[in-house]
């Protein structure tokens, strides 16, 4: 099982949140924090890296927040993970030629796989769309705790085709 740092998982979740709500406009960082269960100090560190890499851009002031810096189709999960993990995970101790061959080949395949999956691929998955729409259906969703999503339902419905 491949283990990713919390920072990588949270960064992908935060970007997914922005991609899902793209049609509704800029998303406040506090909304991402509440909805994804990430502390504000940690989400601030993540967004600092995402901004520097051009994966998000911010809009200051009332009604401001963050949007994807590029189309969801142009942001791969592999790119996000590499950014958060700092590129390669450092030198690995090789014990034999066979060991080196096996792990370098496997690592290359995993990297290629992750670079082939985009945020748009995830957003388009029926199980993702169904889960998001279920969260909005007929009861208060966690995001409404911060009040930020009260006006997003209609935009989300049209964006997700329901």
N, C-alpha and C. Protein backbone atom coordinates (compact mmCIF):
# COMPACT_ATOMS: atom_id res chain seq x y z
N UNK A 1 0.85 -1.18 0.00
CA UNK A 1 0.00 0.00 0.00
C UNK A 1 0.89 1.23 0.00
N UNK A 2 0.58 2.16 -0.88
CA UNK A 2 1.32 3.41 -0.95
C UNK A 2 0.73 4.37 0.07
N UNK A 3 1.62 5.01 0.81
CA UNK A 3 1.16 5.96 1.82
C UNK A 3 1.60 7.36 1.40
N UNK A 4 0.66 8.26 1.43
CA UNK A 4 0.94 9.65 1.12
C UNK A 4 0.86 10.47 2.39
N UNK A 5 1.58 11.55 2.42
CA UNK A 5 1.52 12.44 3.58
C UNK A 5 0.12 13.07 3.67
N UNK A 6 -0.21 13.51 4.87
CA UNK A 6 -1.48 14.20 5.07
C UNK A 6 -1.53 15.45 4.20
N UNK A 7 -0.41 16.12 4.04
CA UNK A 7 -0.38 17.34 3.24
C UNK A 7 -0.77 17.05 1.78
N UNK A 8 -0.29 15.94 1.23
CA UNK A 8 -0.66 15.57 -0.15
C UNK A 8 -2.15 15.24 -0.25
N UNK A 9 -2.65 14.46 0.69
CA UNK A 9 -4.07 14.09 0.67
C UNK A 9 -4.95 15.32 0.84
N UNK A 10 -4.59 16.20 1.75
CA UNK A 10 -5.37 17.41 1.97
C UNK A 10 -5.31 18.35 0.76
N UNK A 11 -4.16 18.44 0.13
CA UNK A 11 -4.03 19.30 -1.05
C UNK A 11 -4.93 18.80 -2.18
N UNK A 12 -4.95 17.49 -2.40
CA UNK A 12 -5.83 16.93 -3.44
C UNK A 12 -7.29 17.18 -3.06
N UNK A 13 -7.65 16.98 -1.79
CA UNK A 13 -9.03 17.22 -1.34
C UNK A 13 -9.42 18.69 -1.53
N UNK A 14 -8.53 19.60 -1.18
CA UNK A 14 -8.81 21.03 -1.32
C UNK A 14 -9.02 21.39 -2.79
N UNK A 15 -8.16 20.87 -3.66
CA UNK A 15 -8.31 21.17 -5.08
C UNK A 15 -9.57 20.53 -5.65
N UNK A 16 -9.94 19.36 -5.17
CA UNK A 16 -11.19 18.73 -5.59
C UNK A 16 -12.36 19.62 -5.19
N UNK A 17 -12.31 20.17 -3.99
CA UNK A 17 -13.37 21.06 -3.52
C UNK A 17 -13.51 22.26 -4.46
N UNK A 18 -12.39 22.85 -4.83
CA UNK A 18 -12.42 23.99 -5.77
C UNK A 18 -12.97 23.55 -7.13
N UNK A 19 -12.55 22.39 -7.60
CA UNK A 19 -13.00 21.90 -8.91
C UNK A 19 -14.51 21.63 -8.91
N UNK A 20 -15.01 21.04 -7.84
CA UNK A 20 -16.44 20.73 -7.74
C UNK A 20 -17.27 22.01 -7.72
N UNK A 21 -16.77 23.03 -7.05
CA UNK A 21 -17.52 24.28 -6.90
C UNK A 21 -17.08 25.35 -7.90
N UNK A 22 -16.40 24.97 -8.95
CA UNK A 22 -15.86 25.92 -9.90
C UNK A 22 -16.91 26.85 -10.50
N UNK A 23 -18.06 26.31 -10.85
CA UNK A 23 -19.10 27.13 -11.48
C UNK A 23 -19.69 28.16 -10.52
N UNK A 24 -19.54 27.93 -9.22
CA UNK A 24 -20.12 28.83 -8.24
C UNK A 24 -19.20 30.01 -7.91
N UNK A 25 -17.98 30.00 -8.42
CA UNK A 25 -17.08 31.12 -8.18
C UNK A 25 -16.01 30.81 -7.16
N UNK A 26 -15.38 31.88 -6.69
CA UNK A 26 -14.26 31.75 -5.74
C UNK A 26 -14.74 31.12 -4.44
N UNK A 27 -13.90 30.28 -3.87
CA UNK A 27 -14.22 29.56 -2.64
C UNK A 27 -13.34 30.09 -1.51
N UNK A 28 -13.95 30.57 -0.43
CA UNK A 28 -13.15 31.05 0.70
C UNK A 28 -12.33 29.91 1.32
N UNK A 29 -11.12 30.25 1.74
CA UNK A 29 -10.26 29.25 2.37
C UNK A 29 -10.93 28.68 3.62
N UNK A 30 -11.69 29.49 4.34
CA UNK A 30 -12.37 29.00 5.53
C UNK A 30 -13.39 27.92 5.18
N UNK A 31 -14.01 28.04 4.02
CA UNK A 31 -14.95 27.00 3.57
C UNK A 31 -14.23 25.69 3.33
N UNK A 32 -13.11 25.76 2.64
CA UNK A 32 -12.33 24.55 2.39
C UNK A 32 -11.91 23.92 3.72
N UNK A 33 -11.49 24.75 4.65
CA UNK A 33 -11.08 24.27 5.97
C UNK A 33 -12.21 23.52 6.67
N UNK A 34 -13.39 24.14 6.72
CA UNK A 34 -14.53 23.53 7.41
C UNK A 34 -15.01 22.28 6.66
N UNK A 35 -15.19 22.41 5.36
CA UNK A 35 -15.77 21.32 4.58
C UNK A 35 -14.86 20.10 4.49
N UNK A 36 -13.57 20.32 4.44
CA UNK A 36 -12.65 19.21 4.30
C UNK A 36 -12.05 18.78 5.63
N UNK A 37 -12.39 19.47 6.70
CA UNK A 37 -11.90 19.09 8.02
C UNK A 37 -10.40 19.31 8.19
N UNK A 38 -9.91 20.41 7.63
CA UNK A 38 -8.48 20.74 7.69
C UNK A 38 -8.34 22.04 8.48
N UNK A 39 -7.43 22.07 9.43
CA UNK A 39 -7.26 23.30 10.23
C UNK A 39 -6.85 24.46 9.33
N UNK A 40 -7.23 25.67 9.73
CA UNK A 40 -6.90 26.86 8.94
C UNK A 40 -5.39 27.04 8.79
N UNK A 41 -4.63 26.76 9.85
CA UNK A 41 -3.18 26.95 9.74
C UNK A 41 -2.58 25.96 8.73
N UNK A 42 -3.11 24.74 8.70
CA UNK A 42 -2.59 23.73 7.77
C UNK A 42 -3.04 24.05 6.34
N UNK A 43 -4.29 24.47 6.17
CA UNK A 43 -4.78 24.79 4.83
C UNK A 43 -4.04 26.01 4.29
N UNK A 44 -3.66 26.93 5.17
CA UNK A 44 -2.89 28.10 4.75
C UNK A 44 -1.53 27.67 4.20
N UNK A 45 -0.86 26.73 4.85
CA UNK A 45 0.43 26.21 4.35
C UNK A 45 0.26 25.54 2.99
N UNK A 46 -0.80 24.77 2.85
CA UNK A 46 -1.06 24.06 1.60
C UNK A 46 -1.34 25.05 0.48
N UNK A 47 -2.20 26.04 0.73
CA UNK A 47 -2.53 27.01 -0.31
C UNK A 47 -1.34 27.89 -0.67
N UNK A 48 -0.44 28.12 0.27
CA UNK A 48 0.77 28.88 -0.04
C UNK A 48 1.55 28.15 -1.14
N UNK A 49 1.73 26.83 -0.98
CA UNK A 49 2.44 26.05 -2.00
C UNK A 49 1.66 25.99 -3.31
N UNK A 50 0.35 25.80 -3.21
CA UNK A 50 -0.48 25.73 -4.42
C UNK A 50 -0.45 27.04 -5.19
N UNK A 51 -0.47 28.18 -4.48
CA UNK A 51 -0.40 29.50 -5.14
C UNK A 51 0.94 29.67 -5.85
N UNK A 52 2.03 29.35 -5.15
CA UNK A 52 3.37 29.51 -5.75
C UNK A 52 3.53 28.67 -7.01
N UNK A 53 2.86 27.52 -7.05
CA UNK A 53 2.95 26.63 -8.22
C UNK A 53 1.95 27.00 -9.31
N UNK A 54 1.08 27.98 -9.04
CA UNK A 54 0.10 28.40 -10.02
C UNK A 54 -1.12 27.48 -10.12
N UNK A 55 -1.29 26.61 -9.16
CA UNK A 55 -2.43 25.69 -9.20
C UNK A 55 -3.71 26.35 -8.70
N UNK A 56 -3.58 27.41 -7.92
CA UNK A 56 -4.74 28.19 -7.49
C UNK A 56 -4.38 29.67 -7.59
N UNK A 57 -5.41 30.50 -7.69
CA UNK A 57 -5.19 31.94 -7.58
C UNK A 57 -6.31 32.51 -6.72
N UNK A 58 -5.95 33.55 -6.00
CA UNK A 58 -6.88 34.13 -5.04
C UNK A 58 -7.48 35.43 -5.52
N UNK A 59 -8.68 35.69 -5.00
CA UNK A 59 -9.37 36.94 -5.23
C UNK A 59 -9.60 37.57 -3.87
N UNK A 60 -8.98 38.73 -3.60
CA UNK A 60 -9.13 39.34 -2.28
C UNK A 60 -10.48 40.01 -2.09
N UNK A 61 -10.80 40.29 -0.84
CA UNK A 61 -11.97 41.09 -0.50
C UNK A 61 -13.23 40.28 -0.28
N UNK A 62 -14.33 40.99 0.02
CA UNK A 62 -15.61 40.31 0.23
C UNK A 62 -16.02 39.54 -1.01
N UNK A 63 -16.48 38.35 -0.83
CA UNK A 63 -16.86 37.51 -1.97
C UNK A 63 -15.65 36.87 -2.63
N UNK A 64 -14.47 37.11 -2.07
CA UNK A 64 -13.25 36.55 -2.64
C UNK A 64 -13.01 35.13 -2.17
N UNK A 65 -11.91 34.62 -2.59
CA UNK A 65 -11.54 33.25 -2.24
C UNK A 65 -10.58 32.72 -3.27
N UNK A 66 -10.63 31.42 -3.48
CA UNK A 66 -9.70 30.77 -4.39
C UNK A 66 -10.43 30.04 -5.50
N UNK A 67 -9.78 30.03 -6.65
CA UNK A 67 -10.22 29.26 -7.81
C UNK A 67 -9.02 28.50 -8.33
N UNK A 68 -9.30 27.50 -9.13
CA UNK A 68 -8.20 26.77 -9.75
C UNK A 68 -7.40 27.70 -10.65
N UNK A 69 -6.09 27.53 -10.65
CA UNK A 69 -5.23 28.35 -11.48
C UNK A 69 -5.21 27.91 -12.93
N UNK A 70 -5.62 26.69 -13.17
CA UNK A 70 -5.75 26.13 -14.53
C UNK A 70 -7.02 25.30 -14.57
N UNK A 71 -7.42 24.93 -15.74
CA UNK A 71 -8.60 24.06 -15.88
C UNK A 71 -8.35 22.75 -15.15
N UNK A 72 -9.41 22.19 -14.59
CA UNK A 72 -9.30 20.92 -13.85
C UNK A 72 -8.71 19.81 -14.72
N UNK A 73 -8.92 19.90 -16.02
CA UNK A 73 -8.38 18.90 -16.96
C UNK A 73 -6.86 18.99 -17.08
N UNK A 74 -6.30 20.13 -16.65
CA UNK A 74 -4.87 20.38 -16.80
C UNK A 74 -4.10 20.20 -15.49
N UNK A 75 -4.77 19.76 -14.43
CA UNK A 75 -4.10 19.56 -13.14
C UNK A 75 -4.15 18.08 -12.80
N UNK A 76 -2.99 17.45 -12.82
CA UNK A 76 -2.94 16.02 -12.51
C UNK A 76 -2.72 15.79 -11.02
N UNK A 77 -3.21 14.68 -10.56
CA UNK A 77 -3.03 14.30 -9.16
C UNK A 77 -1.54 14.11 -8.89
N UNK A 78 -0.81 13.56 -9.85
CA UNK A 78 0.63 13.36 -9.71
C UNK A 78 1.37 14.67 -9.50
N UNK A 79 0.97 15.70 -10.23
CA UNK A 79 1.60 17.02 -10.08
C UNK A 79 1.40 17.56 -8.67
N UNK A 80 0.20 17.40 -8.14
CA UNK A 80 -0.11 17.89 -6.80
C UNK A 80 0.71 17.13 -5.76
N UNK A 81 0.76 15.82 -5.90
CA UNK A 81 1.51 15.00 -4.94
C UNK A 81 2.99 15.33 -4.99
N UNK A 82 3.55 15.46 -6.18
CA UNK A 82 4.97 15.82 -6.30
C UNK A 82 5.25 17.17 -5.66
N UNK A 83 4.36 18.12 -5.86
CA UNK A 83 4.53 19.44 -5.26
C UNK A 83 4.55 19.33 -3.73
N UNK A 84 3.59 18.63 -3.18
CA UNK A 84 3.48 18.53 -1.73
C UNK A 84 4.57 17.66 -1.10
N UNK A 85 5.00 16.65 -1.82
CA UNK A 85 6.03 15.75 -1.30
C UNK A 85 7.44 16.27 -1.58
N UNK A 86 7.55 17.34 -2.34
CA UNK A 86 8.86 17.89 -2.65
C UNK A 86 9.60 17.12 -3.72
N UNK A 87 8.88 16.62 -4.72
CA UNK A 87 9.50 15.84 -5.79
C UNK A 87 9.69 14.41 -5.35
N UNK A 88 10.79 13.85 -5.72
CA UNK A 88 11.08 12.47 -5.32
C UNK A 88 11.21 12.40 -3.81
N UNK A 89 10.90 11.27 -3.24
CA UNK A 89 10.93 11.10 -1.79
C UNK A 89 12.35 10.88 -1.27
N UNK A 90 13.34 11.28 -2.03
CA UNK A 90 14.71 11.15 -1.58
C UNK A 90 15.34 9.84 -2.03
N UNK A 91 16.63 9.73 -1.82
CA UNK A 91 17.31 8.52 -2.26
C UNK A 91 16.85 7.31 -1.46
N UNK A 92 16.70 6.20 -2.17
CA UNK A 92 16.30 4.96 -1.55
C UNK A 92 17.50 4.02 -1.56
N UNK A 93 17.70 3.35 -0.48
CA UNK A 93 18.83 2.42 -0.41
C UNK A 93 18.55 1.21 -1.27
N UNK A 94 19.41 0.96 -2.23
CA UNK A 94 19.26 -0.17 -3.15
C UNK A 94 20.10 -1.32 -2.61
N UNK A 95 19.48 -2.48 -2.50
CA UNK A 95 20.20 -3.64 -1.95
C UNK A 95 20.74 -4.56 -3.02
N UNK A 96 20.20 -4.51 -4.23
CA UNK A 96 20.70 -5.35 -5.32
C UNK A 96 20.25 -4.77 -6.65
N UNK A 97 20.82 -5.28 -7.72
CA UNK A 97 20.42 -4.84 -9.06
C UNK A 97 18.97 -5.19 -9.31
N UNK A 98 18.54 -6.35 -8.85
CA UNK A 98 17.15 -6.77 -9.01
C UNK A 98 16.22 -5.83 -8.22
N UNK A 99 16.62 -5.53 -7.00
CA UNK A 99 15.84 -4.63 -6.16
C UNK A 99 15.71 -3.27 -6.84
N UNK A 100 16.79 -2.74 -7.35
CA UNK A 100 16.78 -1.43 -8.00
C UNK A 100 15.89 -1.47 -9.24
N UNK A 101 15.99 -2.50 -10.03
CA UNK A 101 15.21 -2.63 -11.26
C UNK A 101 13.71 -2.72 -10.95
N UNK A 102 13.37 -3.53 -9.97
CA UNK A 102 11.97 -3.72 -9.58
C UNK A 102 11.35 -2.41 -9.10
N UNK A 103 12.01 -1.75 -8.15
CA UNK A 103 11.42 -0.57 -7.54
C UNK A 103 11.45 0.64 -8.45
N UNK A 104 12.46 0.78 -9.28
CA UNK A 104 12.46 1.92 -10.19
C UNK A 104 11.37 1.76 -11.24
N UNK A 105 11.16 0.53 -11.71
CA UNK A 105 10.10 0.27 -12.68
C UNK A 105 8.73 0.51 -12.07
N UNK A 106 8.51 0.01 -10.86
CA UNK A 106 7.24 0.20 -10.18
C UNK A 106 6.98 1.68 -9.90
N UNK A 107 7.99 2.36 -9.44
CA UNK A 107 7.86 3.78 -9.15
C UNK A 107 7.50 4.57 -10.41
N UNK A 108 8.12 4.24 -11.53
CA UNK A 108 7.83 4.91 -12.79
C UNK A 108 6.38 4.68 -13.22
N UNK A 109 5.89 3.47 -13.03
CA UNK A 109 4.50 3.16 -13.40
C UNK A 109 3.50 3.91 -12.52
N UNK A 110 3.77 3.95 -11.23
CA UNK A 110 2.88 4.66 -10.30
C UNK A 110 2.87 6.14 -10.64
N UNK A 111 4.04 6.71 -10.88
CA UNK A 111 4.14 8.12 -11.23
C UNK A 111 3.36 8.42 -12.51
N UNK A 112 3.53 7.59 -13.53
CA UNK A 112 2.80 7.78 -14.79
C UNK A 112 1.29 7.68 -14.57
N UNK A 113 0.86 6.72 -13.77
CA UNK A 113 -0.56 6.55 -13.47
C UNK A 113 -1.13 7.80 -12.80
N UNK A 114 -0.43 8.31 -11.80
CA UNK A 114 -0.91 9.49 -11.07
C UNK A 114 -0.93 10.74 -11.95
N UNK A 115 0.00 10.82 -12.91
CA UNK A 115 0.02 11.97 -13.81
C UNK A 115 -1.06 11.86 -14.89
N UNK A 116 -1.61 10.68 -15.08
CA UNK A 116 -2.69 10.50 -16.06
C UNK A 116 -4.07 10.80 -15.47
N UNK A 117 -4.18 10.94 -14.16
CA UNK A 117 -5.46 11.23 -13.51
C UNK A 117 -5.51 12.73 -13.21
N UNK A 118 -6.58 13.37 -13.65
CA UNK A 118 -6.73 14.81 -13.41
C UNK A 118 -7.87 15.06 -12.42
N UNK A 119 -7.93 16.29 -11.93
CA UNK A 119 -9.05 16.69 -11.08
C UNK A 119 -10.37 16.50 -11.82
N UNK A 120 -10.38 16.83 -13.10
CA UNK A 120 -11.61 16.69 -13.90
C UNK A 120 -12.05 15.22 -13.96
N UNK A 121 -11.09 14.30 -14.05
CA UNK A 121 -11.43 12.88 -14.06
C UNK A 121 -12.19 12.50 -12.79
N UNK A 122 -11.73 13.00 -11.65
CA UNK A 122 -12.40 12.70 -10.39
C UNK A 122 -13.78 13.35 -10.32
N UNK A 123 -13.87 14.61 -10.69
CA UNK A 123 -15.14 15.32 -10.62
C UNK A 123 -16.19 14.66 -11.51
N UNK A 124 -15.76 14.10 -12.63
CA UNK A 124 -16.69 13.47 -13.57
C UNK A 124 -17.17 12.10 -13.12
N UNK A 125 -16.53 11.51 -12.13
CA UNK A 125 -16.94 10.18 -11.68
C UNK A 125 -18.34 10.25 -11.06
N UNK A 126 -19.23 9.36 -11.51
CA UNK A 126 -20.60 9.38 -10.98
C UNK A 126 -20.66 9.26 -9.45
N UNK A 127 -19.79 8.45 -8.86
CA UNK A 127 -19.84 8.30 -7.40
C UNK A 127 -19.44 9.58 -6.68
N UNK A 128 -18.58 10.38 -7.28
CA UNK A 128 -18.20 11.67 -6.68
C UNK A 128 -19.37 12.64 -6.80
N UNK A 129 -19.94 12.75 -7.99
CA UNK A 129 -21.08 13.65 -8.18
C UNK A 129 -22.25 13.25 -7.29
N UNK A 130 -22.54 11.96 -7.21
CA UNK A 130 -23.65 11.50 -6.36
C UNK A 130 -23.40 11.83 -4.90
N UNK A 131 -22.16 11.64 -4.44
CA UNK A 131 -21.84 11.93 -3.04
C UNK A 131 -22.01 13.41 -2.73
N UNK A 132 -21.56 14.28 -3.64
CA UNK A 132 -21.68 15.72 -3.41
C UNK A 132 -23.15 16.12 -3.41
N UNK A 133 -23.92 15.64 -4.38
CA UNK A 133 -25.33 16.00 -4.44
C UNK A 133 -26.11 15.45 -3.24
N UNK A 134 -25.74 14.28 -2.76
CA UNK A 134 -26.39 13.72 -1.55
C UNK A 134 -26.12 14.61 -0.34
N UNK A 135 -24.93 15.18 -0.27
CA UNK A 135 -24.60 16.05 0.85
C UNK A 135 -25.49 17.29 0.86
N UNK A 136 -25.94 17.72 -0.30
CA UNK A 136 -26.79 18.90 -0.39
C UNK A 136 -28.27 18.57 -0.23
N UNK A 137 -28.65 17.33 -0.41
CA UNK A 137 -30.07 16.98 -0.51
C UNK A 137 -30.77 16.97 0.85
N UNK A 138 -31.77 17.83 0.98
CA UNK A 138 -32.75 17.76 2.03
C UNK A 138 -32.30 17.95 3.46
N UNK A 139 -31.05 18.11 3.70
CA UNK A 139 -30.60 18.33 5.07
C UNK A 139 -29.42 19.27 5.05
N UNK A 140 -29.08 19.78 6.21
CA UNK A 140 -27.95 20.70 6.26
C UNK A 140 -26.65 19.93 6.01
N UNK A 141 -25.84 20.50 5.17
CA UNK A 141 -24.53 19.92 4.90
C UNK A 141 -23.51 20.62 5.75
N UNK A 142 -22.44 19.98 6.04
CA UNK A 142 -21.40 20.54 6.88
C UNK A 142 -20.96 21.92 6.44
N UNK A 143 -20.90 22.16 5.15
CA UNK A 143 -20.47 23.46 4.64
C UNK A 143 -21.39 24.58 5.10
N UNK A 144 -22.63 24.29 5.33
CA UNK A 144 -23.56 25.33 5.74
C UNK A 144 -23.29 25.81 7.16
N UNK A 145 -22.46 25.09 7.88
CA UNK A 145 -22.05 25.55 9.21
C UNK A 145 -21.37 26.91 9.09
N UNK A 146 -20.54 27.05 8.05
CA UNK A 146 -19.85 28.33 7.86
C UNK A 146 -20.67 29.29 7.02
N UNK A 147 -21.81 28.83 6.49
CA UNK A 147 -22.70 29.68 5.72
C UNK A 147 -22.25 29.93 4.30
N UNK A 148 -21.10 29.44 3.94
CA UNK A 148 -20.52 29.76 2.64
C UNK A 148 -21.24 29.08 1.48
N UNK A 149 -21.88 27.97 1.71
CA UNK A 149 -22.48 27.24 0.61
C UNK A 149 -23.96 27.50 0.42
N UNK A 150 -24.54 28.36 1.21
CA UNK A 150 -25.97 28.62 1.12
C UNK A 150 -26.38 29.02 -0.29
N UNK A 151 -25.54 29.72 -1.03
CA UNK A 151 -25.89 30.16 -2.38
C UNK A 151 -25.27 29.28 -3.46
N UNK A 152 -24.62 28.22 -3.10
CA UNK A 152 -23.93 27.38 -4.08
C UNK A 152 -24.79 26.26 -4.64
N UNK A 153 -25.89 25.91 -4.03
CA UNK A 153 -26.70 24.77 -4.45
C UNK A 153 -27.10 24.86 -5.93
N UNK A 154 -27.64 26.00 -6.35
CA UNK A 154 -28.12 26.14 -7.71
C UNK A 154 -26.96 26.01 -8.72
N UNK A 155 -25.85 26.64 -8.44
CA UNK A 155 -24.70 26.55 -9.35
C UNK A 155 -24.18 25.13 -9.41
N UNK A 156 -24.18 24.44 -8.28
CA UNK A 156 -23.70 23.07 -8.24
C UNK A 156 -24.63 22.16 -9.04
N UNK A 157 -25.95 22.34 -8.89
CA UNK A 157 -26.92 21.54 -9.64
C UNK A 157 -26.70 21.67 -11.14
N UNK A 158 -26.53 22.91 -11.61
CA UNK A 158 -26.36 23.11 -13.05
C UNK A 158 -25.00 22.60 -13.52
N UNK A 159 -23.97 22.76 -12.70
CA UNK A 159 -22.62 22.31 -13.07
C UNK A 159 -22.55 20.79 -13.14
N UNK A 160 -23.29 20.11 -12.27
CA UNK A 160 -23.24 18.66 -12.20
C UNK A 160 -24.34 18.00 -13.01
N UNK A 161 -25.16 18.80 -13.63
CA UNK A 161 -26.15 18.26 -14.54
C UNK A 161 -27.35 17.61 -13.89
N UNK A 162 -27.73 18.04 -12.68
CA UNK A 162 -28.93 17.44 -12.09
C UNK A 162 -30.11 18.35 -12.20
